[in-house]
N, C-alpha and C. Protein backbone atom coordinates (compact mmCIF):
# COMPACT_ATOMS: atom_id res chain seq x y z
N MET A 1 0.62 -1.20 -0.16
CA MET A 1 -0.30 -0.03 -0.01
C MET A 1 1.31 1.36 0.35
N ALA A 2 0.43 1.90 -0.99
CA ALA A 2 0.88 3.41 -1.13
C ALA A 2 1.35 3.91 0.44
N ILE A 3 2.17 5.21 0.58
CA ILE A 3 1.94 5.92 1.89
C ILE A 3 1.66 7.58 1.17
N THR A 4 0.85 7.95 2.30
CA THR A 4 0.12 9.09 2.31
C THR A 4 1.44 9.88 2.13
N SER A 5 0.81 11.40 2.13
CA SER A 5 1.67 12.40 1.79
C SER A 5 1.51 12.65 3.58
N SER A 6 0.70 13.25 3.78
CA SER A 6 0.37 13.24 5.70
C SER A 6 0.81 12.50 6.44
N LYS A 7 1.28 11.23 6.26
CA LYS A 7 1.88 10.37 7.14
C LYS A 7 3.33 10.14 6.64
N LEU A 8 3.99 10.69 5.29
CA LEU A 8 5.35 11.24 5.17
C LEU A 8 5.69 12.61 5.76
N ASN A 9 4.96 13.54 6.27
CA ASN A 9 5.01 14.36 6.43
C ASN A 9 5.45 14.34 8.23
N SER A 10 4.72 13.59 8.82
CA SER A 10 4.62 12.89 10.28
C SER A 10 6.10 12.22 10.11
N LEU A 11 6.16 11.74 9.54
CA LEU A 11 8.05 10.85 9.28
C LEU A 11 9.13 11.36 8.80
N LYS A 12 9.02 12.89 8.85
CA LYS A 12 9.73 13.18 7.36
C LYS A 12 11.43 12.79 8.12
N ASN A 13 11.76 13.03 9.14
CA ASN A 13 12.70 12.12 9.15
C ASN A 13 13.27 11.02 9.33
N THR A 14 12.44 10.08 9.45
CA THR A 14 12.21 8.46 9.21
C THR A 14 12.31 8.03 7.73
N LYS A 15 13.27 7.22 7.24
CA LYS A 15 13.05 7.11 5.55
C LYS A 15 12.04 5.71 5.34
N PRO A 16 10.96 6.03 4.63
CA PRO A 16 9.65 5.52 4.40
C PRO A 16 9.77 4.24 4.10
N GLU A 17 8.72 3.70 4.50
CA GLU A 17 8.69 1.66 4.30
C GLU A 17 7.95 1.67 3.48
N GLY A 18 8.29 0.44 2.04
CA GLY A 18 7.18 0.73 0.88
C GLY A 18 7.01 1.53 -0.07
N LYS A 19 6.08 1.13 -0.94
CA LYS A 19 6.21 1.97 -2.00
C LYS A 19 5.59 3.61 -1.56
N VAL A 20 6.32 4.54 -2.63
CA VAL A 20 5.87 5.77 -2.80
C VAL A 20 5.79 6.44 -3.82
N SER A 21 5.01 7.45 -4.26
CA SER A 21 4.90 8.09 -5.55
C SER A 21 6.10 8.86 -5.26
N TYR A 22 6.36 9.50 -6.46
CA TYR A 22 7.79 10.00 -7.07
C TYR A 22 7.36 11.68 -6.79
N GLU A 23 6.16 12.20 -6.70
CA GLU A 23 6.06 13.40 -5.91
C GLU A 23 6.03 13.10 -4.14
N ASP A 24 5.64 11.95 -4.07
CA ASP A 24 5.37 12.23 -2.59
C ASP A 24 6.86 11.82 -1.57
N PHE A 25 7.76 11.14 -2.95
CA PHE A 25 9.02 11.27 -2.50
C PHE A 25 9.96 12.51 -1.91
N LEU A 26 9.23 13.76 -3.28
CA LEU A 26 10.09 14.51 -2.95
C LEU A 26 9.32 15.57 -2.40
N ALA A 27 8.26 15.20 -1.56
CA ALA A 27 7.25 16.42 -0.55
C ALA A 27 8.44 15.40 0.67
N TRP A 28 8.84 14.22 0.96
CA TRP A 28 9.39 14.17 1.82
C TRP A 28 11.07 14.06 2.04
N CYS A 29 11.96 14.37 0.70
CA CYS A 29 13.42 14.01 0.86
C CYS A 29 13.37 15.82 0.79
N ASP A 30 14.37 16.75 1.71
CA ASP A 30 14.80 17.91 1.94
C ASP A 30 15.92 17.57 1.52
N GLU A 31 16.64 18.79 1.59
CA GLU A 31 18.15 19.74 1.32
C GLU A 31 18.65 18.49 1.79
N ASP A 32 18.99 17.98 2.61
CA ASP A 32 19.79 17.04 3.54
C ASP A 32 19.96 16.04 3.70
N THR A 33 18.64 15.73 2.33
CA THR A 33 18.71 14.17 2.56
C THR A 33 19.40 13.68 0.91
N ARG A 34 20.13 12.44 1.59
CA ARG A 34 20.77 11.99 0.52
C ARG A 34 20.02 10.85 0.21
N ALA A 35 18.82 10.48 -0.42
CA ALA A 35 18.22 9.21 -1.41
C ALA A 35 18.26 9.48 -2.87
N GLU A 36 17.72 8.09 -3.06
CA GLU A 36 17.44 8.33 -4.63
C GLU A 36 15.91 7.33 -4.53
N TRP A 37 15.14 7.67 -5.77
CA TRP A 37 13.82 6.88 -5.93
C TRP A 37 13.54 5.95 -7.08
N VAL A 38 13.57 4.85 -6.73
CA VAL A 38 13.79 3.65 -7.57
C VAL A 38 12.39 2.42 -7.67
N ASP A 39 11.80 2.86 -8.82
CA ASP A 39 10.54 1.71 -8.57
C ASP A 39 9.82 1.88 -7.74
N GLY A 40 9.61 2.94 -7.11
CA GLY A 40 9.01 3.84 -5.88
C GLY A 40 9.33 3.50 -4.32
N GLU A 41 10.49 2.54 -3.99
CA GLU A 41 11.54 2.26 -3.05
C GLU A 41 12.35 3.44 -3.15
N VAL A 42 12.28 3.92 -1.92
CA VAL A 42 13.61 4.77 -1.61
C VAL A 42 14.85 4.18 -0.89
N ILE A 43 15.81 4.58 -1.71
CA ILE A 43 16.81 4.11 -1.69
C ILE A 43 17.92 5.54 -0.66
N MET A 44 18.58 4.98 0.13
CA MET A 44 19.78 6.10 0.77
C MET A 44 20.68 6.08 0.34
N VAL A 45 21.45 7.11 0.26
CA VAL A 45 22.48 7.21 -0.38
C VAL A 45 23.55 7.30 0.54
N THR A 46 24.93 6.50 0.62
CA THR A 46 25.85 6.23 1.72
C THR A 46 26.17 7.98 2.43
N PRO A 47 26.83 8.14 2.80
CA PRO A 47 27.48 10.15 3.00
C PRO A 47 29.05 9.89 2.62
N ALA A 48 29.44 10.63 1.85
CA ALA A 48 30.87 10.69 0.90
C ALA A 48 31.55 10.78 1.47
N SER A 49 33.59 10.40 1.25
CA SER A 49 34.17 10.55 1.99
C SER A 49 34.62 11.86 1.70
N GLU A 50 36.10 12.49 2.26
CA GLU A 50 36.55 14.00 2.29
C GLU A 50 36.83 14.03 0.64
N ARG A 51 37.86 13.07 0.51
CA ARG A 51 38.13 12.72 -0.82
C ARG A 51 37.09 12.81 -2.12
N HIS A 52 36.50 11.91 -2.02
CA HIS A 52 35.28 12.16 -2.41
C HIS A 52 34.46 13.40 -3.20
N GLN A 53 34.27 14.16 -1.92
CA GLN A 53 33.77 15.67 -1.87
C GLN A 53 34.96 16.65 -2.61
N ASP A 54 35.70 16.38 -2.15
CA ASP A 54 36.82 16.84 -2.67
C ASP A 54 36.79 17.51 -4.14
N ILE A 55 36.53 16.17 -4.94
CA ILE A 55 36.85 15.83 -6.48
C ILE A 55 35.51 16.92 -6.51
N VAL A 56 34.58 16.37 -6.13
CA VAL A 56 33.15 16.79 -6.55
C VAL A 56 33.04 18.92 -6.49
N ARG A 57 33.76 19.10 -5.41
CA ARG A 57 34.16 20.46 -4.96
C ARG A 57 34.54 21.16 -6.08
N PHE A 58 36.03 20.32 -6.98
CA PHE A 58 36.58 20.66 -7.71
C PHE A 58 36.07 21.02 -9.35
N LEU A 59 35.89 19.44 -9.64
CA LEU A 59 34.91 19.80 -10.75
C LEU A 59 33.48 20.51 -10.75
N VAL A 60 32.49 21.52 -9.90
CA VAL A 60 31.76 22.05 -9.53
C VAL A 60 32.45 23.44 -9.84
N SER A 61 33.60 23.68 -9.45
CA SER A 61 33.99 25.14 -9.55
C SER A 61 34.26 25.38 -10.72
N LEU A 62 35.06 24.34 -11.70
CA LEU A 62 35.77 24.35 -12.63
C LEU A 62 34.82 24.54 -14.28
N LEU A 63 33.75 23.42 -13.90
CA LEU A 63 32.49 23.44 -15.09
C LEU A 63 31.73 24.47 -14.82
N SER A 64 31.52 25.06 -13.43
CA SER A 64 30.81 26.08 -13.10
C SER A 64 31.20 27.48 -13.80
N LEU A 65 32.27 27.90 -13.33
CA LEU A 65 33.37 28.97 -14.18
C LEU A 65 32.94 28.32 -15.88
N TYR A 66 33.55 27.42 -15.89
CA TYR A 66 33.43 27.76 -17.74
C TYR A 66 32.04 27.44 -18.39
N THR A 67 31.00 27.11 -17.78
CA THR A 67 29.92 26.63 -18.36
C THR A 67 29.30 28.57 -18.35
N GLU A 68 29.30 28.96 -17.01
CA GLU A 68 29.08 30.14 -17.02
C GLU A 68 29.26 31.08 -17.74
N SER A 69 31.01 31.47 -17.96
CA SER A 69 31.21 32.22 -18.70
C SER A 69 31.11 32.04 -20.50
N LYS A 70 31.04 31.10 -20.76
CA LYS A 70 30.53 30.82 -21.92
C LYS A 70 29.29 30.19 -22.19
N ASN A 71 28.19 31.05 -20.85
CA ASN A 71 26.92 30.64 -21.31
C ASN A 71 26.17 30.02 -21.92
N LEU A 72 26.60 28.36 -21.05
CA LEU A 72 26.63 27.07 -21.81
C LEU A 72 25.18 26.66 -21.29
N GLY A 73 25.29 26.79 -20.04
CA GLY A 73 24.03 26.29 -19.15
C GLY A 73 24.55 26.15 -17.71
N ARG A 74 23.99 25.06 -17.09
CA ARG A 74 23.98 24.99 -15.52
C ARG A 74 24.74 23.85 -15.26
N VAL A 75 25.51 24.02 -14.18
CA VAL A 75 26.13 22.77 -13.33
C VAL A 75 25.44 22.43 -11.91
N LEU A 76 25.17 21.75 -11.55
CA LEU A 76 24.53 21.62 -10.33
C LEU A 76 24.96 20.36 -9.74
N PRO A 77 25.24 20.04 -8.55
CA PRO A 77 25.83 19.58 -7.26
C PRO A 77 24.35 18.51 -6.74
N ALA A 78 24.82 17.48 -5.94
CA ALA A 78 24.01 16.49 -5.18
C ALA A 78 23.86 17.39 -3.82
N PRO A 79 23.17 17.49 -3.33
CA PRO A 79 22.17 16.53 -3.48
C PRO A 79 21.04 17.99 -4.59
N PHE A 80 20.79 17.16 -5.52
CA PHE A 80 19.86 17.80 -6.69
C PHE A 80 19.24 16.41 -7.36
N GLN A 81 18.02 16.31 -7.30
CA GLN A 81 17.25 14.95 -7.66
C GLN A 81 17.28 15.38 -9.91
N MET A 82 17.42 14.31 -10.62
CA MET A 82 17.16 13.75 -11.77
C MET A 82 16.15 13.09 -11.91
N LYS A 83 14.96 13.26 -12.07
CA LYS A 83 14.11 12.34 -12.80
C LYS A 83 14.36 12.09 -13.73
N LEU A 84 15.09 10.51 -14.49
CA LEU A 84 15.46 10.62 -15.77
C LEU A 84 14.14 10.41 -16.73
N GLY A 85 13.04 10.09 -16.70
CA GLY A 85 12.08 9.89 -17.62
C GLY A 85 10.72 9.60 -16.40
N LYS A 86 9.53 8.90 -17.57
CA LYS A 86 8.52 8.42 -17.34
C LYS A 86 8.47 7.56 -16.19
N ASP A 87 9.09 6.62 -16.50
CA ASP A 87 9.39 4.94 -16.39
C ASP A 87 10.75 4.70 -15.98
N LEU A 88 11.34 5.76 -15.42
CA LEU A 88 12.42 5.44 -14.83
C LEU A 88 12.69 6.18 -13.84
N PRO A 89 13.65 5.80 -12.91
CA PRO A 89 13.80 6.32 -11.47
C PRO A 89 14.41 7.24 -11.52
N GLY A 90 14.13 8.37 -10.17
CA GLY A 90 15.29 9.73 -9.54
C GLY A 90 16.39 9.35 -8.97
N ARG A 91 17.30 9.86 -10.03
CA ARG A 91 18.85 8.99 -9.09
C ARG A 91 18.91 10.87 -8.79
N GLU A 92 20.36 10.99 -7.77
CA GLU A 92 21.01 12.45 -7.66
C GLU A 92 22.55 12.02 -7.90
N PRO A 93 22.41 12.41 -8.99
CA PRO A 93 23.95 12.39 -9.54
C PRO A 93 25.01 13.00 -8.43
N ASP A 94 26.24 13.04 -8.50
CA ASP A 94 26.90 13.58 -8.07
C ASP A 94 27.06 15.20 -8.29
N LEU A 95 27.29 14.84 -9.54
CA LEU A 95 27.04 16.68 -10.15
C LEU A 95 26.26 16.21 -11.22
N PHE A 96 25.59 17.40 -12.25
CA PHE A 96 25.48 17.08 -13.64
C PHE A 96 24.98 18.42 -14.38
N PHE A 97 25.52 18.22 -15.57
CA PHE A 97 25.46 19.66 -16.42
C PHE A 97 24.03 19.73 -17.42
N VAL A 98 23.59 20.94 -17.02
CA VAL A 98 22.31 20.99 -18.16
C VAL A 98 22.24 21.74 -19.24
N ALA A 99 22.50 21.89 -20.29
CA ALA A 99 22.80 22.91 -21.28
C ALA A 99 21.72 23.65 -21.52
N SER A 100 21.92 24.88 -21.98
CA SER A 100 21.04 26.14 -22.13
C SER A 100 19.59 25.77 -22.70
N SER A 101 19.97 25.00 -23.34
CA SER A 101 18.84 24.47 -24.58
C SER A 101 17.70 23.73 -23.95
N HIS A 102 18.04 22.76 -22.80
CA HIS A 102 17.34 22.18 -21.63
C HIS A 102 17.01 22.61 -20.44
N LEU A 103 17.32 23.89 -20.47
CA LEU A 103 17.02 24.49 -18.66
C LEU A 103 15.83 24.50 -18.13
N ASP A 104 14.69 24.14 -19.37
CA ASP A 104 13.18 24.43 -19.29
C ASP A 104 13.03 22.91 -18.41
N ARG A 105 14.19 22.26 -18.18
CA ARG A 105 13.68 20.79 -17.30
C ARG A 105 13.94 21.38 -16.04
N LEU A 106 14.67 21.97 -15.78
CA LEU A 106 15.15 22.41 -14.10
C LEU A 106 13.54 22.75 -13.53
N ARG A 107 12.87 22.13 -12.12
CA ARG A 107 12.12 22.54 -11.47
C ARG A 107 12.51 22.76 -10.17
N ASP A 108 11.99 23.44 -9.11
CA ASP A 108 12.27 23.79 -7.75
C ASP A 108 13.32 23.06 -7.27
N THR A 109 13.04 21.67 -7.48
CA THR A 109 13.55 20.25 -6.52
C THR A 109 14.41 19.28 -7.18
N TYR A 110 14.06 19.62 -8.67
CA TYR A 110 14.61 18.30 -9.33
C TYR A 110 14.66 18.94 -11.12
N LEU A 111 15.44 18.14 -11.80
CA LEU A 111 15.42 18.02 -12.74
C LEU A 111 14.68 16.88 -13.13
N ASP A 112 13.70 17.63 -14.32
CA ASP A 112 12.39 16.66 -14.95
C ASP A 112 13.05 16.26 -16.34
N GLY A 113 13.83 15.10 -16.25
CA GLY A 113 14.29 14.50 -17.39
C GLY A 113 15.70 14.67 -17.46
N PRO A 114 16.38 13.62 -18.70
CA PRO A 114 18.12 13.62 -18.21
C PRO A 114 18.71 14.80 -18.36
N ALA A 115 19.65 14.99 -17.53
CA ALA A 115 20.98 16.16 -17.70
C ALA A 115 21.82 15.77 -18.85
N ASP A 116 22.29 16.90 -19.67
CA ASP A 116 23.29 16.87 -20.95
C ASP A 116 24.58 15.52 -20.16
N MET A 117 24.91 16.33 -19.31
CA MET A 117 26.02 15.15 -18.90
C MET A 117 26.25 14.84 -17.15
N VAL A 118 26.32 13.56 -17.11
CA VAL A 118 26.27 13.42 -15.37
C VAL A 118 27.90 13.10 -15.25
N ILE A 119 28.16 13.04 -14.27
CA ILE A 119 29.27 12.81 -13.23
C ILE A 119 28.97 11.97 -11.99
N GLU A 120 29.66 10.96 -11.58
CA GLU A 120 29.55 10.17 -10.55
C GLU A 120 31.19 9.92 -9.96
N ILE A 121 31.25 10.33 -9.21
CA ILE A 121 32.60 9.34 -8.07
C ILE A 121 32.60 8.68 -7.24
N ILE A 122 32.95 7.36 -8.40
CA ILE A 122 32.92 6.19 -7.22
C ILE A 122 33.40 6.34 -6.20
N SER A 123 32.62 5.47 -5.34
CA SER A 123 33.22 4.61 -4.29
C SER A 123 32.86 3.69 -3.97
N LYS A 124 33.90 2.60 -2.88
CA LYS A 124 33.12 1.29 -2.51
C LYS A 124 31.77 1.09 -2.43
N ASP A 125 30.91 1.91 -2.13
CA ASP A 125 29.65 1.38 -1.95
C ASP A 125 28.76 1.63 -3.37
N SER A 126 29.32 2.59 -4.13
CA SER A 126 28.59 2.92 -5.30
C SER A 126 29.01 2.28 -6.29
N ILE A 127 29.94 1.53 -6.46
CA ILE A 127 30.62 0.88 -7.57
C ILE A 127 29.82 0.28 -8.54
N SER A 128 29.06 -0.70 -7.88
CA SER A 128 28.59 -1.47 -8.76
C SER A 128 27.05 -1.06 -9.13
N ARG A 129 26.31 0.39 -8.36
CA ARG A 129 25.27 0.94 -8.55
C ARG A 129 25.54 1.75 -10.11
N ASP A 130 26.91 2.55 -9.68
CA ASP A 130 27.46 3.78 -10.61
C ASP A 130 27.74 3.20 -12.29
N ARG A 131 28.14 1.75 -11.92
CA ARG A 131 28.41 1.03 -13.33
C ARG A 131 27.84 -0.02 -13.87
N GLY A 132 26.62 0.11 -12.93
CA GLY A 132 25.60 -1.41 -13.65
C GLY A 132 24.12 -0.54 -13.57
N GLU A 133 23.24 -0.57 -12.60
CA GLU A 133 21.87 0.13 -12.97
C GLU A 133 22.31 1.60 -13.25
N LYS A 134 22.92 2.22 -13.01
CA LYS A 134 22.68 3.94 -13.46
C LYS A 134 23.62 4.03 -14.59
N PHE A 135 24.16 3.14 -14.98
CA PHE A 135 25.03 3.04 -16.39
C PHE A 135 23.57 2.84 -17.28
N VAL A 136 23.18 1.38 -17.28
CA VAL A 136 21.95 1.35 -18.22
C VAL A 136 20.61 2.57 -18.23
N GLU A 137 20.53 3.39 -16.39
CA GLU A 137 19.09 3.62 -16.86
C GLU A 137 19.72 5.35 -17.35
N TYR A 138 21.00 5.88 -17.37
CA TYR A 138 21.31 6.94 -17.95
C TYR A 138 21.62 6.97 -19.68
N GLU A 139 21.80 5.96 -19.89
CA GLU A 139 22.15 5.22 -21.49
C GLU A 139 20.61 5.35 -21.76
N ALA A 140 19.49 4.65 -20.92
CA ALA A 140 18.04 4.64 -21.71
C ALA A 140 17.19 6.09 -21.58
N ALA A 141 17.84 6.86 -20.76
CA ALA A 141 17.52 8.38 -20.82
C ALA A 141 17.52 8.91 -21.84
N GLY A 142 18.96 8.68 -21.80
CA GLY A 142 19.83 9.45 -23.04
C GLY A 142 20.35 10.44 -22.62
N VAL A 143 20.70 10.77 -21.44
CA VAL A 143 21.95 11.49 -20.86
C VAL A 143 23.39 11.38 -21.67
N SER A 144 23.74 12.18 -22.40
CA SER A 144 24.45 12.16 -24.01
C SER A 144 26.47 11.64 -22.89
N GLU A 145 26.51 12.03 -21.90
CA GLU A 145 27.88 11.81 -21.40
C GLU A 145 27.83 11.53 -20.47
N TYR A 146 27.91 10.53 -19.73
CA TYR A 146 28.66 10.01 -18.40
C TYR A 146 29.86 10.05 -18.53
N TRP A 147 30.17 10.43 -17.04
CA TRP A 147 31.74 10.27 -16.47
C TRP A 147 31.81 9.45 -15.12
N LEU A 148 32.66 8.23 -15.48
CA LEU A 148 32.86 7.87 -13.78
C LEU A 148 33.95 8.37 -13.44
N ILE A 149 34.54 8.54 -12.34
CA ILE A 149 35.40 9.22 -11.62
C ILE A 149 35.97 7.85 -10.48
N ASP A 150 36.87 7.48 -10.63
CA ASP A 150 37.17 6.18 -9.54
C ASP A 150 38.44 6.73 -8.94
N PRO A 151 38.40 7.70 -7.56
CA PRO A 151 39.61 8.02 -6.85
C PRO A 151 40.30 6.65 -6.27
N VAL A 152 39.70 5.66 -6.21
CA VAL A 152 40.76 5.05 -5.15
C VAL A 152 41.91 3.98 -6.04
N ARG A 153 41.23 4.03 -7.86
CA ARG A 153 41.89 3.35 -8.47
C ARG A 153 42.56 4.49 -9.54
N GLN A 154 42.43 5.60 -9.36
CA GLN A 154 42.85 6.07 -9.83
C GLN A 154 42.54 5.98 -11.96
N GLN A 155 41.18 5.54 -12.00
CA GLN A 155 40.93 5.66 -13.33
C GLN A 155 39.89 6.37 -13.89
N ALA A 156 39.79 7.11 -15.01
CA ALA A 156 38.10 7.78 -15.08
C ALA A 156 38.36 7.35 -16.42
N GLU A 157 36.51 7.19 -16.42
CA GLU A 157 36.17 6.63 -17.89
C GLU A 157 35.01 7.58 -18.33
N PHE A 158 35.13 7.31 -19.34
CA PHE A 158 34.01 8.90 -20.35
C PHE A 158 33.03 7.99 -21.52
N TYR A 159 31.74 8.31 -21.20
CA TYR A 159 31.20 7.91 -22.45
C TYR A 159 30.45 8.59 -23.06
N ARG A 160 29.89 8.26 -24.15
CA ARG A 160 29.08 9.04 -24.74
C ARG A 160 28.31 8.25 -25.52
N ILE A 161 26.59 8.88 -25.43
CA ILE A 161 25.56 7.97 -26.55
C ILE A 161 25.81 8.05 -28.04
N GLY A 162 25.83 6.79 -28.57
CA GLY A 162 25.76 7.07 -30.06
C GLY A 162 24.84 6.94 -30.63
N ALA A 163 25.08 6.86 -32.14
CA ALA A 163 23.98 6.91 -33.36
C ALA A 163 22.56 5.51 -32.54
N ASP A 164 23.42 4.25 -32.37
CA ASP A 164 22.46 3.33 -32.16
C ASP A 164 21.93 3.78 -30.64
N ASN A 165 21.81 4.96 -29.64
CA ASN A 165 21.42 5.11 -28.94
C ASN A 165 21.93 4.39 -27.54
N CYS A 166 23.19 3.88 -27.30
CA CYS A 166 23.71 2.91 -26.57
C CYS A 166 25.00 3.78 -26.34
N TYR A 167 25.94 3.41 -25.57
CA TYR A 167 27.16 3.91 -24.57
C TYR A 167 27.88 3.72 -25.00
N HIS A 168 29.61 4.64 -25.68
CA HIS A 168 30.58 3.99 -26.39
C HIS A 168 31.77 4.56 -25.66
N PRO A 169 32.84 3.83 -25.07
CA PRO A 169 33.99 4.59 -24.46
C PRO A 169 34.82 5.78 -25.15
N ILE A 170 35.12 6.77 -24.56
CA ILE A 170 35.77 7.82 -25.43
C ILE A 170 37.28 7.82 -24.43
N LEU A 171 38.42 7.23 -25.73
CA LEU A 171 39.61 7.59 -24.74
C LEU A 171 40.16 8.70 -24.68
N LEU A 172 41.18 8.99 -23.87
CA LEU A 172 41.78 10.38 -23.97
C LEU A 172 43.05 10.69 -24.80
N ASP A 173 43.53 11.66 -25.54
CA ASP A 173 44.37 11.98 -26.40
C ASP A 173 45.34 10.93 -26.01
N ALA A 174 46.44 11.93 -27.00
CA ALA A 174 48.01 11.30 -26.39
C ALA A 174 48.54 12.08 -25.14
N GLU A 175 48.04 13.29 -24.76
CA GLU A 175 48.74 13.85 -23.46
C GLU A 175 47.50 13.59 -22.29
N GLY A 176 46.86 12.52 -22.37
CA GLY A 176 45.74 12.37 -21.16
C GLY A 176 44.59 13.31 -20.90
N ILE A 177 44.23 14.18 -21.73
CA ILE A 177 42.96 15.27 -21.81
C ILE A 177 41.90 14.56 -22.64
N TYR A 178 41.14 14.55 -21.71
CA TYR A 178 39.53 14.45 -22.53
C TYR A 178 38.78 15.17 -22.87
N ARG A 179 38.20 15.18 -24.02
CA ARG A 179 37.66 16.50 -24.24
C ARG A 179 36.32 16.89 -24.61
N SER A 180 35.53 17.15 -24.13
CA SER A 180 33.86 17.20 -23.86
C SER A 180 33.26 17.66 -24.86
N GLU A 181 31.67 16.82 -25.08
CA GLU A 181 31.20 17.17 -26.41
C GLU A 181 30.01 17.54 -25.89
N ALA A 182 29.61 17.57 -24.26
CA ALA A 182 28.41 18.12 -23.81
C ALA A 182 28.35 19.68 -23.61
N VAL A 183 29.43 19.51 -22.74
CA VAL A 183 30.31 21.00 -22.54
C VAL A 183 31.22 21.16 -23.56
N GLN A 184 30.72 22.01 -24.76
CA GLN A 184 31.25 22.53 -25.87
C GLN A 184 32.70 23.52 -25.45
N GLY A 185 34.02 23.15 -25.95
CA GLY A 185 35.35 23.17 -25.82
C GLY A 185 36.04 23.15 -24.29
N PHE A 186 35.00 22.24 -23.83
CA PHE A 186 35.87 22.12 -22.22
C PHE A 186 36.38 20.82 -22.40
N TRP A 187 37.93 21.03 -21.84
CA TRP A 187 38.75 19.69 -21.67
C TRP A 187 39.14 19.48 -20.50
N LEU A 188 39.78 18.10 -19.90
CA LEU A 188 39.99 18.00 -18.65
C LEU A 188 41.28 17.27 -18.93
N ARG A 189 42.22 17.42 -17.87
CA ARG A 189 43.43 17.15 -18.25
C ARG A 189 43.36 15.73 -16.50
N VAL A 190 42.81 14.77 -16.76
CA VAL A 190 42.82 13.12 -16.12
C VAL A 190 43.70 13.68 -14.79
N SER A 191 44.91 13.42 -15.00
CA SER A 191 46.12 13.42 -13.56
C SER A 191 45.90 14.79 -12.85
N TRP A 192 45.12 15.36 -13.09
CA TRP A 192 44.64 16.51 -12.02
C TRP A 192 43.83 16.20 -11.41
N LEU A 193 43.06 15.19 -11.17
CA LEU A 193 42.11 14.66 -10.26
C LEU A 193 43.00 13.97 -9.83
N TRP A 194 44.03 13.55 -9.77
CA TRP A 194 44.80 12.02 -8.41
C TRP A 194 45.58 13.58 -7.92
N GLN A 195 45.65 14.48 -7.91
CA GLN A 195 47.17 14.97 -7.25
C GLN A 195 46.54 15.44 -6.11
N GLU A 196 47.20 15.50 -4.97
CA GLU A 196 47.25 15.81 -3.54
C GLU A 196 48.26 16.69 -3.15
N PRO A 197 47.48 17.75 -3.16
CA PRO A 197 46.33 18.22 -2.61
C PRO A 197 45.89 18.08 -4.21
N LEU A 198 44.14 18.72 -4.68
CA LEU A 198 44.24 18.82 -6.03
C LEU A 198 44.40 20.42 -6.59
N PRO A 199 44.39 20.72 -8.03
CA PRO A 199 45.29 21.65 -8.20
C PRO A 199 44.34 23.21 -7.88
N ARG A 200 45.28 23.85 -7.75
CA ARG A 200 44.06 25.14 -7.59
C ARG A 200 43.05 25.28 -8.94
N VAL A 201 41.51 25.48 -8.44
CA VAL A 201 40.67 25.78 -9.50
C VAL A 201 41.04 27.24 -10.56
N LEU A 202 41.58 28.23 -9.81
CA LEU A 202 42.23 29.65 -10.38
C LEU A 202 43.32 28.90 -11.40
N ASP A 203 44.55 28.28 -11.15
CA ASP A 203 45.27 27.79 -12.06
C ASP A 203 44.88 27.08 -12.88
N VAL A 204 44.14 26.03 -12.98
CA VAL A 204 43.53 25.24 -13.90
C VAL A 204 42.83 26.02 -14.74
N CYS A 205 41.99 27.35 -14.35
CA CYS A 205 41.32 27.98 -15.14
C CYS A 205 42.19 28.86 -16.11
N ARG A 206 43.32 29.00 -15.80
CA ARG A 206 44.41 30.12 -16.26
C ARG A 206 44.84 28.68 -17.76
N GLU A 207 45.36 27.42 -17.39
CA GLU A 207 45.43 26.73 -18.47
C GLU A 207 44.65 26.33 -19.36
N LEU A 208 43.21 26.83 -18.86
CA LEU A 208 41.77 26.70 -20.04
C LEU A 208 41.43 28.27 -20.79
N ASN A 209 42.64 28.73 -20.48
CA ASN A 209 42.82 30.58 -20.94
C ASN A 209 41.08 31.41 -20.57
N LEU A 210 40.73 30.52 -19.32
CA LEU A 210 39.58 31.54 -18.53
C LEU A 210 39.97 32.79 -18.01
N LEU A 211 40.64 33.23 -17.59
CA LEU A 211 41.46 34.58 -16.68
C LEU A 211 42.30 34.52 -17.96
């Protein structure tokens, strides 16, 4: 039996049990809650490590500066929901990019449709989900570019949707650089992600000729 909105409000700090609608899930899930909605079930997300968050902050800062300077769209980090499609889950990517042409998909608390690019930072608890369920879901929804960043293994994988509507891996160039299609003109030197500490965003912006 589905849980009503009034019941959800009374249990605001408790994970709902049983099936809930996506609308009721959004009513229950506040800005401090890390959770996803899959087939009516509420899936709690494990708290992230410091290194995970450092990489998220680095990429959000870098991509936000780049996309804003070029007027390309919006970059949003978790916690923010992405409802992939009518019959697809509501996921909470680590960060995603929405092109200017798709900003009409943005609602107050979620993105109503797929982002143009999604980035997931892999952790021990998320590896099977990021490489399995989410990979299939993002592909089915038409997320045109998917980045998988694994800080433990120091590996980065980049996928793009092809003419067959399937993801295909995109290799780095000879200098270890990935060049995005979803974010026009943006490139990433993957070795930046493994530096301790991470490079200063302003220094990277200079290398990208933003300053």
